[in-house]
Amino acid sequence: MSQSHTFVDLDPAAVEAQRGKVRIIDVREPDEYKGELGHIPEAELVPLATVPAQALSWPRDTPVIMVCRSGGRSGRAAGELVRMGFSQVHNMVGGMLRWNQEQRTIAR
């Protein structure tokens, strides 16, 4: 892995275009996932603290998009996946705050 290999930021429109084609991981806590902001319908809940352990069983070459409330925690999770050798890692900028602001489909 080269030093320059990192994750790519995507805006909500780009994430929505990938729904159903890539793995979307929501790294918030369960109460946030089910709460006011909801979650992207296909998103899997994997709280941030559990990402490294759970990711051990994930294919390293499968595209994955990380999501949280505002983009901070998901950015940390994306960085961790890159360090673990994942090759197609993305972070949704603005998180579920921006997803909701843009009035995109949510589930609760």
Protein backbone atom coordinates (compact mmCIF):
# COMPACT_ATOMS: atom_id res chain seq x y z
CA MET A 1 0.00 0.00 0.00
CA SER A 2 1.40 3.39 -0.95
CA GLN A 3 1.55 6.24 1.53
CA SER A 4 -0.78 8.31 -0.67
CA HIS A 5 -3.58 5.70 -0.57
CA THR A 6 -6.47 7.16 1.36
CA PHE A 7 -10.25 7.36 1.32
CA VAL A 8 -12.34 9.50 -1.01
CA ASP A 9 -15.00 11.97 0.17
CA LEU A 10 -18.40 11.71 -1.54
CA ASP A 11 -21.34 14.08 -1.30
CA PRO A 12 -24.82 12.71 -0.56
CA ALA A 13 -25.84 12.82 -4.25
CA ALA A 14 -22.92 10.53 -5.15
CA VAL A 15 -23.78 8.20 -2.25
CA GLU A 16 -27.44 8.06 -3.29
CA ALA A 17 -26.35 7.12 -6.83
CA GLN A 18 -24.43 4.16 -5.33
CA ARG A 19 -27.27 2.87 -3.11
CA GLY A 20 -27.76 -0.84 -3.68
CA LYS A 21 -24.38 -1.19 -5.42
CA VAL A 22 -21.95 -0.66 -2.53
CA ARG A 23 -21.80 -1.39 1.17
CA ILE A 24 -22.92 1.59 3.27
CA ILE A 25 -21.77 1.50 6.90
CA ASP A 26 -23.31 3.86 9.47
CA VAL A 27 -20.89 4.28 12.39
CA ARG A 28 -23.23 6.13 14.77
CA GLU A 29 -24.70 4.66 17.93
CA PRO A 30 -27.97 2.65 17.76
CA ASP A 31 -30.08 5.47 19.25
CA GLU A 32 -28.78 7.86 16.56
CA TYR A 33 -29.35 5.31 13.77
CA LYS A 34 -33.01 4.95 14.81
CA GLY A 35 -33.40 8.56 15.92
CA GLU A 36 -34.41 11.93 14.51
CA LEU A 37 -32.02 11.93 11.52
CA GLY A 38 -32.81 8.33 10.59
CA HIS A 39 -30.43 6.39 8.35
CA ILE A 40 -29.86 5.59 4.70
CA PRO A 41 -32.21 2.67 3.94
CA GLU A 42 -29.47 0.16 2.95
CA ALA A 43 -26.99 1.27 5.63
CA GLU A 44 -25.63 -1.28 8.08
CA LEU A 45 -25.19 -0.13 11.69
CA VAL A 46 -21.61 -0.69 12.88
CA PRO A 47 -20.88 1.68 15.80
CA LEU A 48 -17.48 3.39 15.49
CA ALA A 49 -15.90 1.56 18.44
CA THR A 50 -16.71 -1.81 16.84
CA VAL A 51 -15.54 -1.03 13.28
CA PRO A 52 -11.97 -2.46 13.56
CA ALA A 53 -13.16 -5.79 15.01
CA GLN A 54 -16.12 -6.20 12.64
CA ALA A 55 -14.09 -5.14 9.59
CA LEU A 56 -11.71 -8.08 10.08
CA SER A 57 -14.27 -10.30 8.33
CA TRP A 58 -15.07 -7.89 5.47
CA PRO A 59 -13.59 -8.30 1.96
CA ARG A 60 -10.80 -5.72 1.58
CA ASP A 61 -11.60 -4.99 -2.08
CA THR A 62 -15.36 -4.33 -1.77
CA PRO A 63 -16.37 -0.66 -2.09
CA VAL A 64 -17.56 0.74 1.24
CA ILE A 65 -19.05 4.13 2.14
CA MET A 66 -18.83 5.28 5.74
CA VAL A 67 -21.59 7.51 7.18
CA CYS A 68 -22.20 9.28 10.52
CA ARG A 69 -24.01 12.39 11.81
CA SER A 70 -21.74 15.06 10.30
CA GLY A 71 -18.83 13.25 8.62
CA GLY A 72 -16.28 13.31 11.45
CA ARG A 73 -16.65 9.84 12.95
CA SER A 74 -17.12 8.28 9.53
CA GLY A 75 -13.90 9.97 8.40
CA ARG A 76 -12.06 8.39 11.33
CA ALA A 77 -13.59 5.01 10.50
CA ALA A 78 -12.64 5.41 6.82
CA GLY A 79 -9.06 6.18 7.80
CA GLU A 80 -8.96 3.08 9.99
CA LEU A 81 -10.20 0.90 7.12
CA VAL A 82 -7.49 2.30 4.84
CA ARG A 83 -4.89 1.46 7.52
CA MET A 84 -6.35 -2.07 7.62
CA GLY A 85 -5.76 -2.47 3.88
CA PHE A 86 -9.17 -1.67 2.39
CA SER A 87 -8.76 -0.33 -1.14
CA GLN A 88 -12.14 1.30 -1.99
CA VAL A 89 -13.10 3.41 1.02
CA HIS A 90 -15.35 6.47 0.87
CA ASN A 91 -16.66 8.95 3.43
CA MET A 92 -19.96 10.81 3.03
CA VAL A 93 -19.22 14.49 3.72
CA GLY A 94 -21.79 16.28 5.83
CA GLY A 95 -23.18 13.01 7.15
CA MET A 96 -26.85 12.47 7.88
CA LEU A 97 -27.25 16.18 8.67
CA ARG A 98 -26.53 17.01 5.02
CA TRP A 99 -28.45 13.95 3.75
CA ASN A 100 -31.55 15.24 5.59
CA GLN A 101 -30.92 18.86 4.54
CA GLU A 102 -30.98 17.66 0.93
CA GLN A 103 -34.26 15.82 1.70
CA ARG A 104 -33.01 12.40 0.64
CA THR A 105 -34.80 9.15 1.56
CA ILE A 106 -34.34 8.01 5.16
CA ALA A 107 -35.39 5.00 7.21
CA ARG A 108 -35.91 4.84 10.99
